[in-house]
PDB file of N, CA and C in Angstrom:
ATOM      1  N   MET A   1       0.815  -1.196   0.047  1.00  0.00           N
ATOM      2  CA  MET A   1       0.065  -0.020   0.077  1.00  0.00           C
ATOM      3  C   MET A   1       0.847   1.134  -0.022  1.00  0.00           C
ATOM      4  N   SER A   2       0.695   2.171  -0.978  1.00  0.00           N
ATOM      5  CA  SER A   2       1.533   3.272  -1.010  1.00  0.00           C
ATOM      6  C   SER A   2       0.715   4.482  -0.285  1.00  0.00           C
ATOM      7  N   GLU A   3       1.575   5.282   0.240  1.00  0.00           N
ATOM      8  CA  GLU A   3       1.163   6.444   1.103  1.00  0.00           C
ATOM      9  C   GLU A   3       1.389   7.489   0.157  1.00  0.00           C
ATOM     10  N   VAL A   4       0.308   8.425   0.236  1.00  0.00           N
ATOM     11  CA  VAL A   4       0.174   9.670  -0.394  1.00  0.00           C
ATOM     12  C   VAL A   4       0.872  10.768   0.557  1.00  0.00           C
ATOM     13  N   ALA A   5       1.763  11.468  -0.060  1.00  0.00           N
ATOM     14  CA  ALA A   5       2.338  12.347   0.772  1.00  0.00           C
ATOM     15  C   ALA A   5       1.409  13.630   0.814  1.00  0.00           C
ATOM     16  N   THR A   6       1.145  14.186   2.048  1.00  0.00           N
ATOM     17  CA  THR A   6       0.276  15.220   2.128  1.00  0.00           C
ATOM     18  C   THR A   6       1.008  16.468   2.779  1.00  0.00           C
ATOM     19  N   SER A   7       0.732  17.477   2.329  1.00  0.00           N
ATOM     20  CA  SER A   7       1.397  18.726   2.877  1.00  0.00           C
ATOM     21  C   SER A   7       0.489  19.513   3.895  1.00  0.00           C
ATOM     22  N   PRO A   8       0.955  20.026   4.756  1.00  0.00           N
ATOM     23  CA  PRO A   8       0.144  20.645   5.747  1.00  0.00           C
ATOM     24  C   PRO A   8      -0.535  21.885   5.357  1.00  0.00           C
ATOM     25  N   THR A   9      -1.729  22.047   5.660  1.00  0.00           N
ATOM     26  CA  THR A   9      -2.650  23.215   5.284  1.00  0.00           C
ATOM     27  C   THR A   9      -1.999  24.385   5.418  1.00  0.00           C
ATOM     28  N   ARG A  10      -1.945  25.375   4.472  1.00  0.00           N
ATOM     29  CA  ARG A  10      -1.135  26.628   4.500  1.00  0.00           C
ATOM     30  C   ARG A  10      -2.199  27.578   5.338  1.00  0.00           C
ATOM     31  N   ILE A  11      -3.626  27.372   5.065  1.00  0.00           N
ATOM     32  CA  ILE A  11      -4.372  28.393   5.492  1.00  0.00           C
ATOM     33  C   ILE A  11      -5.128  27.947   6.718  1.00  0.00           C
ATOM     34  N   GLY A  12      -5.275  28.633   7.930  1.00  0.00           N
ATOM     35  CA  GLY A  12      -5.829  28.353   9.035  1.00  0.00           C
ATOM     36  C   GLY A  12      -7.363  28.994   9.062  1.00  0.00           C
ATOM     37  N   ARG A  13      -7.081  30.338   8.445  1.00  0.00           N
ATOM     38  CA  ARG A  13      -8.673  30.955   8.366  1.00  0.00           C
ATOM     39  C   ARG A  13      -8.392  32.127   7.697  1.00  0.00           C
ATOM     40  N   LEU A  14      -9.428  32.832   7.512  1.00  0.00           N
ATOM     41  CA  LEU A  14      -9.524  34.146   6.872  1.00  0.00           C
ATOM     42  C   LEU A  14      -9.947  35.131   7.959  1.00  0.00           C
ATOM     43  N   LYS A  15      -9.102  36.327   7.798  1.00  0.00           N
ATOM     44  CA  LYS A  15      -9.428  37.502   8.634  1.00  0.00           C
ATOM     45  C   LYS A  15      -9.581  38.892   7.905  1.00  0.00           C
ATOM     46  N   CYS A  16     -10.785  39.405   8.149  1.00  0.00           N
ATOM     47  CA  CYS A  16     -11.211  40.542   7.470  1.00  0.00           C
ATOM     48  C   CYS A  16     -11.033  41.804   8.164  1.00  0.00           C
ATOM     49  N   SER A  17     -10.337  42.734   7.928  1.00  0.00           N
ATOM     50  CA  SER A  17     -10.044  44.131   8.541  1.00  0.00           C
ATOM     51  C   SER A  17     -10.906  45.338   7.988  1.00  0.00           C
ATOM     52  N   PHE A  18     -12.155  45.021   7.413  1.00  0.00           N
ATOM     53  CA  PHE A  18     -12.784  46.175   6.872  1.00  0.00           C
ATOM     54  C   PHE A  18     -13.538  46.824   8.063  1.00  0.00           C
ATOM     55  N   SER A  19     -13.210  48.073   8.328  1.00  0.00           N
ATOM     56  CA  SER A  19     -13.601  48.848   9.482  1.00  0.00           C
ATOM     57  C   SER A  19     -14.954  49.466   9.339  1.00  0.00           C
ATOM     58  N   VAL A  20     -15.445  49.971  10.400  1.00  0.00           N
ATOM     59  CA  VAL A  20     -16.368  50.610  10.497  1.00  0.00           C
ATOM     60  C   VAL A  20     -16.457  51.975   9.722  1.00  0.00           C
ATOM     61  N   ALA A  21     -15.434  52.667   9.921  1.00  0.00           N
ATOM     62  CA  ALA A  21     -15.034  53.956   9.293  1.00  0.00           C
ATOM     63  C   ALA A  21     -15.205  53.750   7.780  1.00  0.00           C
ATOM     64  N   GLU A  22     -14.544  52.529   7.269  1.00  0.00           N
ATOM     65  CA  GLU A  22     -14.389  52.301   5.990  1.00  0.00           C
ATOM     66  C   GLU A  22     -15.759  52.098   5.286  1.00  0.00           C
ATOM     67  N   SER A  23     -16.606  51.225   6.222  1.00  0.00           N
ATOM     68  CA  SER A  23     -17.949  51.141   5.757  1.00  0.00           C
ATOM     69  C   SER A  23     -18.806  52.372   5.667  1.00  0.00           C
ATOM     70  N   ILE A  24     -18.605  53.267   6.523  1.00  0.00           N
ATOM     71  CA  ILE A  24     -19.273  54.587   6.580  1.00  0.00           C
ATOM     72  C   ILE A  24     -18.854  55.412   5.126  1.00  0.00           C
ATOM     73  N   GLY A  25     -17.706  55.409   5.039  1.00  0.00           N
ATOM     74  CA  GLY A  25     -16.977  56.037   3.892  1.00  0.00           C
ATOM     75  C   GLY A  25     -17.716  55.571   2.754  1.00  0.00           C
ATOM     76  N   SER A  26     -17.779  54.384   2.479  1.00  0.00           N
ATOM     77  CA  SER A  26     -18.252  53.604   1.399  1.00  0.00           C
ATOM     78  C   SER A  26     -19.713  53.870   1.123  1.00  0.00           C
ATOM     79  N   VAL A  27     -20.454  53.837   2.251  1.00  0.00           N
ATOM     80  CA  VAL A  27     -21.975  54.066   2.305  1.00  0.00           C
ATOM     81  C   VAL A  27     -22.176  55.535   1.754  1.00  0.00           C
ATOM     82  N   ILE A  28     -21.471  56.353   2.392  1.00  0.00           N
ATOM     83  CA  ILE A  28     -21.588  57.878   1.843  1.00  0.00           C
ATOM     84  C   ILE A  28     -21.263  57.981   0.240  1.00  0.00           C
ATOM     85  N   LEU A  29     -20.195  57.385  -0.137  1.00  0.00           N
ATOM     86  CA  LEU A  29     -19.749  57.468  -1.466  1.00  0.00           C
ATOM     87  C   LEU A  29     -20.983  56.999  -2.471  1.00  0.00           C
ATOM     88  N   TRP A  30     -21.483  55.701  -2.000  1.00  0.00           N
ATOM     89  CA  TRP A  30     -22.499  55.000  -2.917  1.00  0.00           C
ATOM     90  C   TRP A  30     -23.764  55.809  -2.860  1.00  0.00           C
ATOM     91  N   ILE A  31     -24.148  56.419  -1.795  1.00  0.00           N
ATOM     92  CA  ILE A  31     -25.243  57.311  -1.722  1.00  0.00           C
ATOM     93  C   ILE A  31     -25.193  58.414  -2.628  1.00  0.00           C
ATOM     94  N   ILE A  32     -24.123  59.180  -2.667  1.00  0.00           N
ATOM     95  CA  ILE A  32     -23.888  60.277  -3.682  1.00  0.00           C
ATOM     96  C   ILE A  32     -23.912  59.694  -4.979  1.00  0.00           C
ATOM     97  N   LEU A  33     -23.207  58.641  -5.323  1.00  0.00           N
ATOM     98  CA  LEU A  33     -23.105  58.005  -6.728  1.00  0.00           C
ATOM     99  C   LEU A  33     -24.700  57.573  -7.171  1.00  0.00           C
ATOM    100  N   THR A  34     -25.499  57.123  -6.266  1.00  0.00           N
ATOM    101  CA  THR A  34     -26.681  56.679  -6.390  1.00  0.00           C
ATOM    102  C   THR A  34     -27.635  57.870  -6.813  1.00  0.00           C
ATOM    103  N   ILE A  35     -27.476  59.110  -6.135  1.00  0.00           N
ATOM    104  CA  ILE A  35     -28.175  60.182  -6.517  1.00  0.00           C
ATOM    105  C   ILE A  35     -27.696  60.814  -7.598  1.00  0.00           C
ATOM    106  N   VAL A  36     -26.709  60.802  -7.958  1.00  0.00           N
ATOM    107  CA  VAL A  36     -25.957  61.505  -9.268  1.00  0.00           C
ATOM    108  C   VAL A  36     -26.455  60.674 -10.529  1.00  0.00           C
ATOM    109  N   THR A  37     -26.517  59.404 -10.291  1.00  0.00           N
ATOM    110  CA  THR A  37     -26.760  58.627 -11.371  1.00  0.00           C
ATOM    111  C   THR A  37     -28.140  58.071 -11.489  1.00  0.00           C
ATOM    112  N   LEU A  38     -29.099  58.724 -10.598  1.00  0.00           N
ATOM    113  CA  LEU A  38     -30.551  58.370 -10.593  1.00  0.00           C
ATOM    114  C   LEU A  38     -30.776  56.947 -10.397  1.00  0.00           C
ATOM    115  N   GLY A  39     -29.913  56.285  -9.416  1.00  0.00           N
ATOM    116  CA  GLY A  39     -30.073  54.792  -9.118  1.00  0.00           C
ATOM    117  C   GLY A  39     -29.334  53.838  -9.887  1.00  0.00           C
ATOM    118  N   LEU A  40     -28.795  54.268 -10.899  1.00  0.00           N
ATOM    119  CA  LEU A  40     -27.914  53.296 -11.921  1.00  0.00           C
ATOM    120  C   LEU A  40     -26.733  52.752 -11.104  1.00  0.00           C
ATOM    121  N   ALA A  41     -26.167  53.442 -10.078  1.00  0.00           N
ATOM    122  CA  ALA A  41     -24.971  52.937  -9.436  1.00  0.00           C
ATOM    123  C   ALA A  41     -25.391  51.744  -8.711  1.00  0.00           C
ATOM    124  N   LEU A  42     -26.567  51.497  -8.398  1.00  0.00           N
ATOM    125  CA  LEU A  42     -26.938  50.508  -7.542  1.00  0.00           C
ATOM    126  C   LEU A  42     -26.924  49.227  -8.282  1.00  0.00           C
ATOM    127  N   ILE A  43     -26.692  49.343  -9.544  1.00  0.00           N
ATOM    128  CA  ILE A  43     -26.517  47.854 -10.344  1.00  0.00           C
ATOM    129  C   ILE A  43     -25.179  47.354 -10.186  1.00  0.00           C
ATOM    130  N   VAL A  44     -24.228  48.257  -9.959  1.00  0.00           N
ATOM    131  CA  VAL A  44     -22.923  47.696  -9.869  1.00  0.00           C
ATOM    132  C   VAL A  44     -22.277  47.786  -8.359  1.00  0.00           C
ATOM    133  N   PHE A  45     -23.215  48.315  -7.494  1.00  0.00           N
ATOM    134  CA  PHE A  45     -22.883  48.479  -6.145  1.00  0.00           C
ATOM    135  C   PHE A  45     -22.397  46.938  -5.534  1.00  0.00           C
ATOM    136  N   PRO A  46     -23.321  45.954  -5.842  1.00  0.00           N
ATOM    137  CA  PRO A  46     -22.889  44.687  -5.106  1.00  0.00           C
ATOM    138  C   PRO A  46     -21.595  44.176  -5.558  1.00  0.00           C
ATOM    139  N   TYR A  47     -21.098  44.444  -6.702  1.00  0.00           N
ATOM    140  CA  TYR A  47     -19.847  44.150  -7.131  1.00  0.00           C
ATOM    141  C   TYR A  47     -18.668  44.725  -6.206  1.00  0.00           C
ATOM    142  N   TYR A  48     -18.741  46.012  -6.095  1.00  0.00           N
ATOM    143  CA  TYR A  48     -17.793  46.798  -5.307  1.00  0.00           C
ATOM    144  C   TYR A  48     -17.857  46.725  -3.937  1.00  0.00           C
ATOM    145  N   LEU A  49     -19.051  46.474  -3.299  1.00  0.00           N
ATOM    146  CA  LEU A  49     -19.165  46.148  -2.165  1.00  0.00           C
ATOM    147  C   LEU A  49     -18.437  44.729  -1.671  1.00  0.00           C
ATOM    148  N   ASN A  50     -18.612  43.731  -2.590  1.00  0.00           N
ATOM    149  CA  ASN A  50     -17.806  42.463  -2.187  1.00  0.00           C
ATOM    150  C   ASN A  50     -16.343  42.477  -2.557  1.00  0.00           C
ATOM    151  N   ARG A  51     -16.044  43.383  -3.299  1.00  0.00           N
ATOM    152  CA  ARG A  51     -14.539  43.785  -3.792  1.00  0.00           C
ATOM    153  C   ARG A  51     -13.933  44.206  -2.580  1.00  0.00           C
ATOM    154  N   ALA A  52     -14.582  45.268  -1.828  1.00  0.00           N
ATOM    155  CA  ALA A  52     -13.993  46.119  -0.939  1.00  0.00           C
ATOM    156  C   ALA A  52     -13.631  45.267   0.322  1.00  0.00           C
ATOM    157  N   VAL A  53     -14.577  44.250   0.582  1.00  0.00           N
ATOM    158  CA  VAL A  53     -14.376  43.228   1.653  1.00  0.00           C
ATOM    159  C   VAL A  53     -13.296  42.274   1.435  1.00  0.00           C
ATOM    160  N   LEU A  54     -13.419  41.712   0.309  1.00  0.00           N
ATOM    161  CA  LEU A  54     -12.365  40.858  -0.099  1.00  0.00           C
ATOM    162  C   LEU A  54     -10.888  41.262  -0.179  1.00  0.00           C
ATOM    163  N   ASN A  55     -10.801  42.372  -0.514  1.00  0.00           N
ATOM    164  CA  ASN A  55      -9.400  43.124  -0.629  1.00  0.00           C
ATOM    165  C   ASN A  55      -8.975  43.537   0.893  1.00  0.00           C
ATOM    166  N   LYS A  56      -9.817  43.438   1.704  1.00  0.00           N
ATOM    167  CA  LYS A  56      -9.345  43.762   2.979  1.00  0.00           C
ATOM    168  C   LYS A  56      -9.221  42.371   4.044  1.00  0.00           C
ATOM    169  N   THR A  57      -9.058  41.234   3.061  1.00  0.00           N
ATOM    170  CA  THR A  57      -9.075  39.891   3.836  1.00  0.00           C
ATOM    171  C   THR A  57      -7.820  39.310   3.781  1.00  0.00           C
ATOM    172  N   GLU A  58      -7.173  38.845   4.813  1.00  0.00           N
ATOM    173  CA  GLU A  58      -5.917  38.307   5.080  1.00  0.00           C
ATOM    174  C   GLU A  58      -6.276  36.708   5.176  1.00  0.00           C
ATOM    175  N   LEU A  59      -5.096  35.923   4.701  1.00  0.00           N
ATOM    176  CA  LEU A  59      -5.126  34.584   5.047  1.00  0.00           C
ATOM    177  C   LEU A  59      -4.063  34.415   6.139  1.00  0.00           C
ATOM    178  N   LEU A  60      -4.607  33.580   7.249  1.00  0.00           N
ATOM    179  CA  LEU A  60      -3.811  33.208   8.361  1.00  0.00           C
ATOM    180  C   LEU A  60      -3.469  31.690   8.570  1.00  0.00           C
ATOM    181  N   ASP A  61      -2.341  31.374   8.692  1.00  0.00           N
ATOM    182  CA  ASP A  61      -1.944  29.962   9.003  1.00  0.00           C
ATOM    183  C   ASP A  61      -2.569  29.534  10.296  1.00  0.00           C
ATOM    184  N   GLY A  62      -2.233  28.043  10.458  1.00  0.00           N
ATOM    185  CA  GLY A  62      -2.876  27.468  11.752  1.00  0.00           C
ATOM    186  C   GLY A  62      -2.451  28.200  13.068  1.00  0.00           C
ATOM    187  N   SER A  63      -1.434  28.727  12.918  1.00  0.00           N
ATOM    188  CA  SER A  63      -1.018  29.762  14.376  1.00  0.00           C
ATOM    189  C   SER A  63      -1.410  31.057  14.235  1.00  0.00           C
ATOM    190  N   GLY A  64      -2.125  31.509  13.318  1.00  0.00           N
ATOM    191  CA  GLY A  64      -2.625  32.960  13.393  1.00  0.00           C
ATOM    192  C   GLY A  64      -1.921  33.991  12.797  1.00  0.00           C
ATOM    193  N   ARG A  65      -0.800  33.341  12.092  1.00  0.00           N
ATOM    194  CA  ARG A  65       0.126  34.502  11.444  1.00  0.00           C
ATOM    195  C   ARG A  65      -0.354  34.739  10.033  1.00  0.00           C
ATOM    196  N   PRO A  66      -0.173  36.058   9.584  1.00  0.00           N
ATOM    197  CA  PRO A  66      -0.767  36.254   8.154  1.00  0.00           C
ATOM    198  C   PRO A  66       0.214  35.749   7.237  1.00  0.00           C
ATOM    199  N   VAL A  67      -0.314  34.979   6.225  1.00  0.00           N
ATOM    200  CA  VAL A  67       0.583  34.385   5.170  1.00  0.00           C
ATOM    201  C   VAL A  67       0.086  34.718   3.805  1.00  0.00           C
ATOM    202  N   GLY A  68      -0.836  35.467   3.705  1.00  0.00           N
ATOM    203  CA  GLY A  68      -1.321  36.043   2.267  1.00  0.00           C
ATOM    204  C   GLY A  68      -2.500  36.918   2.605  1.00  0.00           C
ATOM    205  N   ARG A  69      -2.853  37.540   1.291  1.00  0.00           N
ATOM    206  CA  ARG A  69      -4.119  38.136   1.263  1.00  0.00           C
ATOM    207  C   ARG A  69      -4.902  37.862  -0.070  1.00  0.00           C
ATOM    208  N   LEU A  70      -6.062  38.360   0.096  1.00  0.00           N
ATOM    209  CA  LEU A  70      -7.090  38.272  -1.193  1.00  0.00           C
ATOM    210  C   LEU A  70      -6.933  39.354  -1.959  1.00  0.00           C
ATOM    211  N   ASN A  71      -6.868  39.183  -3.158  1.00  0.00           N
ATOM    212  CA  ASN A  71      -6.737  40.489  -4.193  1.00  0.00           C
ATOM    213  C   ASN A  71      -7.799  40.400  -5.345  1.00  0.00           C
ATOM    214  N   CYS A  72      -8.909  41.093  -5.133  1.00  0.00           N
ATOM    215  CA  CYS A  72      -9.870  41.025  -6.095  1.00  0.00           C
ATOM    216  C   CYS A  72      -9.671  42.095  -7.205  1.00  0.00           C
ATOM    217  N   THR A  73      -9.429  41.693  -8.435  1.00  0.00           N
ATOM    218  CA  THR A  73      -9.162  42.778  -9.479  1.00  0.00           C
ATOM    219  C   THR A  73     -10.289  42.957 -10.395  1.00  0.00           C
ATOM    220  N   PHE A  74     -11.571  42.879  -9.843  1.00  0.00           N
ATOM    221  CA  PHE A  74     -12.585  43.139 -10.702  1.00  0.00           C
ATOM    222  C   PHE A  74     -12.833  44.548 -11.013  1.00  0.00           C
ATOM    223  N   ASN A  75     -13.213  44.796 -12.056  1.00  0.00           N
ATOM    224  CA  ASN A  75     -13.662  46.172 -12.517  1.00  0.00           C
ATOM    225  C   ASN A  75     -14.605  46.052 -13.666  1.00  0.00           C
ATOM    226  N   ILE A  76     -15.430  47.048 -13.845  1.00  0.00           N
ATOM    227  CA  ILE A  76     -16.954  46.983 -14.688  1.00  0.00           C
ATOM    228  C   ILE A  76     -16.456  46.563 -16.030  1.00  0.00           C
ATOM    229  N   GLY A  77     -15.361  46.939 -16.429  1.00  0.00           N
ATOM    230  CA  GLY A  77     -14.933  46.521 -17.875  1.00  0.00           C
ATOM    231  C   GLY A  77     -15.026  45.236 -18.151  1.00  0.00           C
ATOM    232  N   HIS A  78     -14.560  44.447 -17.004  1.00  0.00           N
ATOM    233  CA  HIS A  78     -14.451  42.878 -17.301  1.00  0.00           C
ATOM    234  C   HIS A  78     -15.834  42.237 -17.607  1.00  0.00           C
ATOM    235  N   SER A  79     -16.764  42.746 -16.879  1.00  0.00           N
ATOM    236  CA  SER A  79     -18.058  42.176 -16.790  1.00  0.00           C
ATOM    237  C   SER A  79     -19.327  43.099 -17.285  1.00  0.00           C
ATOM    238  N   ILE A  80     -19.027  44.073 -18.286  1.00  0.00           N
ATOM    239  CA  ILE A  80     -20.127  45.033 -18.885  1.00  0.00           C
ATOM    240  C   ILE A  80     -21.235  44.103 -19.380  1.00  0.00           C
ATOM    241  N   GLY A  81     -20.841  42.815 -20.121  1.00  0.00           N
ATOM    242  CA  GLY A  81     -21.787  42.112 -20.753  1.00  0.00           C
ATOM    243  C   GLY A  81     -22.653  41.331 -19.785  1.00  0.00           C
ATOM    244  N   HIS A  82     -22.212  40.981 -18.491  1.00  0.00           N
ATOM    245  CA  HIS A  82     -22.849  40.355 -17.497  1.00  0.00           C
ATOM    246  C   HIS A  82     -23.780  41.303 -16.828  1.00  0.00           C
ATOM    247  N   VAL A  83     -23.295  42.491 -16.461  1.00  0.00           N
ATOM    248  CA  VAL A  83     -23.973  43.758 -15.881  1.00  0.00           C
ATOM    249  C   VAL A  83     -25.364  43.773 -16.803  1.00  0.00           C
ATOM    250  N   VAL A  84     -25.189  44.098 -18.126  1.00  0.00           N
ATOM    251  CA  VAL A  84     -26.114  44.561 -19.085  1.00  0.00           C
ATOM    252  C   VAL A  84     -27.333  43.332 -19.145  1.00  0.00           C
ATOM    253  N   LEU A  85     -26.808  41.987 -19.336  1.00  0.00           N
ATOM    254  CA  LEU A  85     -27.753  40.953 -19.416  1.00  0.00           C
ATOM    255  C   LEU A  85     -28.390  40.892 -18.085  1.00  0.00           C
ATOM    256  N   TRP A  86     -28.042  41.193 -16.919  1.00  0.00           N
ATOM    257  CA  TRP A  86     -28.770  40.888 -15.713  1.00  0.00           C
ATOM    258  C   TRP A  86     -29.657  42.146 -15.491  1.00  0.00           C
ATOM    259  N   VAL A  87     -29.227  43.218 -15.943  1.00  0.00           N
ATOM    260  CA  VAL A  87     -30.232  44.619 -15.964  1.00  0.00           C
ATOM    261  C   VAL A  87     -31.554  44.233 -16.754  1.00  0.00           C
ATOM    262  N   LEU A  88     -31.269  43.714 -17.977  1.00  0.00           N
ATOM    263  CA  LEU A  88     -32.522  43.159 -18.587  1.00  0.00           C
ATOM    264  C   LEU A  88     -33.159  42.119 -18.146  1.00  0.00           C
ATOM    265  N   LEU A  89     -32.601  41.162 -17.573  1.00  0.00           N
ATOM    266  CA  LEU A  89     -33.391  40.078 -16.897  1.00  0.00           C
ATOM    267  C   LEU A  89     -34.152  40.671 -15.729  1.00  0.00           C
ATOM    268  N   ILE A  90     -33.652  41.635 -14.966  1.00  0.00           N
ATOM    269  CA  ILE A  90     -34.273  42.147 -13.826  1.00  0.00           C
ATOM    270  C   ILE A  90     -35.526  42.903 -14.249  1.00  0.00           C
ATOM    271  N   ILE A  91     -35.309  43.840 -15.398  1.00  0.00           N
ATOM    272  CA  ILE A  91     -36.415  44.773 -16.121  1.00  0.00           C
ATOM    273  C   ILE A  91     -37.598  43.644 -16.450  1.00  0.00           C
ATOM    274  N   VAL A  92     -37.106  42.644 -17.210  1.00  0.00           N
ATOM    275  CA  VAL A  92     -38.074  41.800 -17.775  1.00  0.00           C
ATOM    276  C   VAL A  92     -38.760  40.904 -16.738  1.00  0.00           C
ATOM    277  N   THR A  93     -38.322  40.514 -15.776  1.00  0.00           N
ATOM    278  CA  THR A  93     -39.147  39.748 -14.707  1.00  0.00           C
ATOM    279  C   THR A  93     -39.565  40.668 -13.590  1.00  0.00           C
ATOM    280  N   LEU A  94     -39.552  41.952 -13.843  1.00  0.00           N
ATOM    281  CA  LEU A  94     -39.905  42.901 -12.871  1.00  0.00           C
ATOM    282  C   LEU A  94     -39.372  42.857 -11.400  1.00  0.00           C
ATOM    283  N   GLY A  95     -37.953  42.595 -11.417  1.00  0.00           N
ATOM    284  CA  GLY A  95     -37.227  42.670 -10.265  1.00  0.00           C
ATOM    285  C   GLY A  95     -36.986  41.204  -9.663  1.00  0.00           C
ATOM    286  N   LEU A  96     -37.607  40.159 -10.133  1.00  0.00           N
ATOM    287  CA  LEU A  96     -37.575  38.868  -9.509  1.00  0.00           C
ATOM    288  C   LEU A  96     -36.114  38.146  -9.728  1.00  0.00           C
ATOM    289  N   ALA A  97     -35.391  38.565 -10.887  1.00  0.00           N
ATOM    290  CA  ALA A  97     -34.181  38.081 -11.255  1.00  0.00           C
ATOM    291  C   ALA A  97     -33.084  38.549 -10.317  1.00  0.00           C
ATOM    292  N   SER A  98     -33.502  39.886  -9.492  1.00  0.00           N
ATOM    293  CA  SER A  98     -32.429  40.278  -8.618  1.00  0.00           C
ATOM    294  C   SER A  98     -32.179  39.538  -7.691  1.00  0.00           C
ATOM    295  N   PHE A  99     -32.951  38.534  -7.258  1.00  0.00           N
ATOM    296  CA  PHE A  99     -32.621  37.483  -6.203  1.00  0.00           C
ATOM    297  C   PHE A  99     -31.555  36.553  -6.621  1.00  0.00           C
ATOM    298  N   LEU A 100     -31.492  36.268  -7.946  1.00  0.00           N
ATOM    299  CA  LEU A 100     -30.393  35.323  -8.590  1.00  0.00           C
ATOM    300  C   LEU A 100     -29.311  36.217  -8.858  1.00  0.00           C
ATOM    301  N   TYR A 101     -29.343  37.443  -9.034  1.00  0.00           N
ATOM    302  CA  TYR A 101     -28.332  38.361  -9.462  1.00  0.00           C
ATOM    303  C   TYR A 101     -27.372  38.535  -8.349  1.00  0.00           C
ATOM    304  N   ALA A 102     -27.931  38.486  -7.209  1.00  0.00           N
ATOM    305  CA  ALA A 102     -26.969  38.645  -5.917  1.00  0.00           C
ATOM    306  C   ALA A 102     -25.885  37.583  -5.975  1.00  0.00           C
ATOM    307  N   TYR A 103     -26.423  36.376  -6.172  1.00  0.00           N
ATOM    308  CA  TYR A 103     -25.551  35.135  -5.957  1.00  0.00           C
ATOM    309  C   TYR A 103     -24.588  35.086  -7.135  1.00  0.00           C
ATOM    310  N   ARG A 104     -24.976  35.530  -8.447  1.00  0.00           N
ATOM    311  CA  ARG A 104     -24.126  35.546  -9.484  1.00  0.00           C
ATOM    312  C   ARG A 104     -23.154  36.613  -9.440  1.00  0.00           C
ATOM    313  N   VAL A 105     -23.369  37.890  -8.850  1.00  0.00           N
ATOM    314  CA  VAL A 105     -22.453  38.794  -8.434  1.00  0.00           C
ATOM    315  C   VAL A 105     -21.431  37.993  -7.581  1.00  0.00           C
ATOM    316  N   ILE A 106     -21.657  37.347  -6.558  1.00  0.00           N
ATOM    317  CA  ILE A 106     -20.610  36.758  -5.716  1.00  0.00           C
ATOM    318  C   ILE A 106     -19.569  35.921  -6.656  1.00  0.00           C
ATOM    319  N   ARG A 107     -20.381  35.129  -7.539  1.00  0.00           N
ATOM    320  CA  ARG A 107     -19.538  34.307  -8.277  1.00  0.00           C
ATOM    321  C   ARG A 107     -18.584  34.896  -9.248  1.00  0.00           C
ATOM    322  N   VAL A 108     -19.014  36.069  -9.742  1.00  0.00           N
ATOM    323  CA  VAL A 108     -18.033  36.886 -10.619  1.00  0.00           C
ATOM    324  C   VAL A 108     -16.919  37.565  -9.922  1.00  0.00           C
ATOM    325  N   VAL A 109     -17.323  37.920  -8.857  1.00  0.00           N
ATOM    326  CA  VAL A 109     -16.238  38.794  -8.038  1.00  0.00           C
ATOM    327  C   VAL A 109     -15.075  37.693  -7.418  1.00  0.00           C
ATOM    328  N   LEU A 110     -15.663  36.453  -7.044  1.00  0.00           N
ATOM    329  CA  LEU A 110     -14.778  35.450  -6.495  1.00  0.00           C
ATOM    330  C   LEU A 110     -13.779  34.891  -7.501  1.00  0.00           C
ATOM    331  N   ASN A 111     -14.334  34.807  -8.880  1.00  0.00           N
ATOM    332  CA  ASN A 111     -13.739  34.140  -9.945  1.00  0.00           C
ATOM    333  C   ASN A 111     -12.447  35.427 -10.457  1.00  0.00           C
ATOM    334  N   GLU A 112     -12.601  36.721  -9.834  1.00  0.00           N
ATOM    335  CA  GLU A 112     -11.691  37.662 -10.301  1.00  0.00           C
ATOM    336  C   GLU A 112     -10.815  37.910  -9.001  1.00  0.00           C
ATOM    337  N   THR A 113     -10.921  37.125  -8.050  1.00  0.00           N
ATOM    338  CA  THR A 113     -10.125  37.230  -6.826  1.00  0.00           C
ATOM    339  C   THR A 113      -8.944  36.211  -6.851  1.00  0.00           C
ATOM    340  N   ARG A 114      -7.684  36.596  -6.520  1.00  0.00           N
ATOM    341  CA  ARG A 114      -6.531  35.878  -6.461  1.00  0.00           C
ATOM    342  C   ARG A 114      -5.896  35.680  -5.020  1.00  0.00           C
ATOM    343  N   VAL A 115      -5.224  34.847  -4.687  1.00  0.00           N
ATOM    344  CA  VAL A 115      -4.651  34.765  -3.384  1.00  0.00           C
ATOM    345  C   VAL A 115      -3.123  35.207  -3.658  1.00  0.00           C
ATOM    346  N   GLU A 116      -2.722  36.158  -2.714  1.00  0.00           N
ATOM    347  CA  GLU A 116      -1.241  36.736  -2.961  1.00  0.00           C
ATOM    348  C   GLU A 116      -0.507  36.314  -1.644  1.00  0.00           C
ATOM    349  N   TYR A 117       0.328  35.181  -1.671  1.00  0.00           N
ATOM    350  CA  TYR A 117       1.126  34.936  -0.592  1.00  0.00           C
ATOM    351  C   TYR A 117       2.320  36.000  -0.388  1.00  0.00           C
ATOM    352  N   TYR A 118       2.474  36.267   1.025  1.00  0.00           N
ATOM    353  CA  TYR A 118       3.721  36.984   1.351  1.00  0.00           C
ATOM    354  C   TYR A 118       4.948  36.341   1.257  1.00  0.00           C
TER     355      TYR A 118
END
């Protein structure tokens, strides 16, 4: 019987340092953008909300030391087709597609996230 070599897990857990002050600043910015764009900014808001949180997340090893961080490189240019498609679906379904849209946003943002080890 051959034994498979296993390496120790490099990641113990994730730690997010997204502060309350950053949250307040982000909320103020998005309220202003929503007013200026007459609500259109809310279509891309979920992408940037998730991106902000992911970019403030570190990977910790089993002993709690930081070994890397998450880097989300999402920008609206990468997914303009995705956004337009879902806006049309939300309009056609009178908002019902927005429940699915929330999950699809997370998928898109996670697919644009990489781990950068220190």
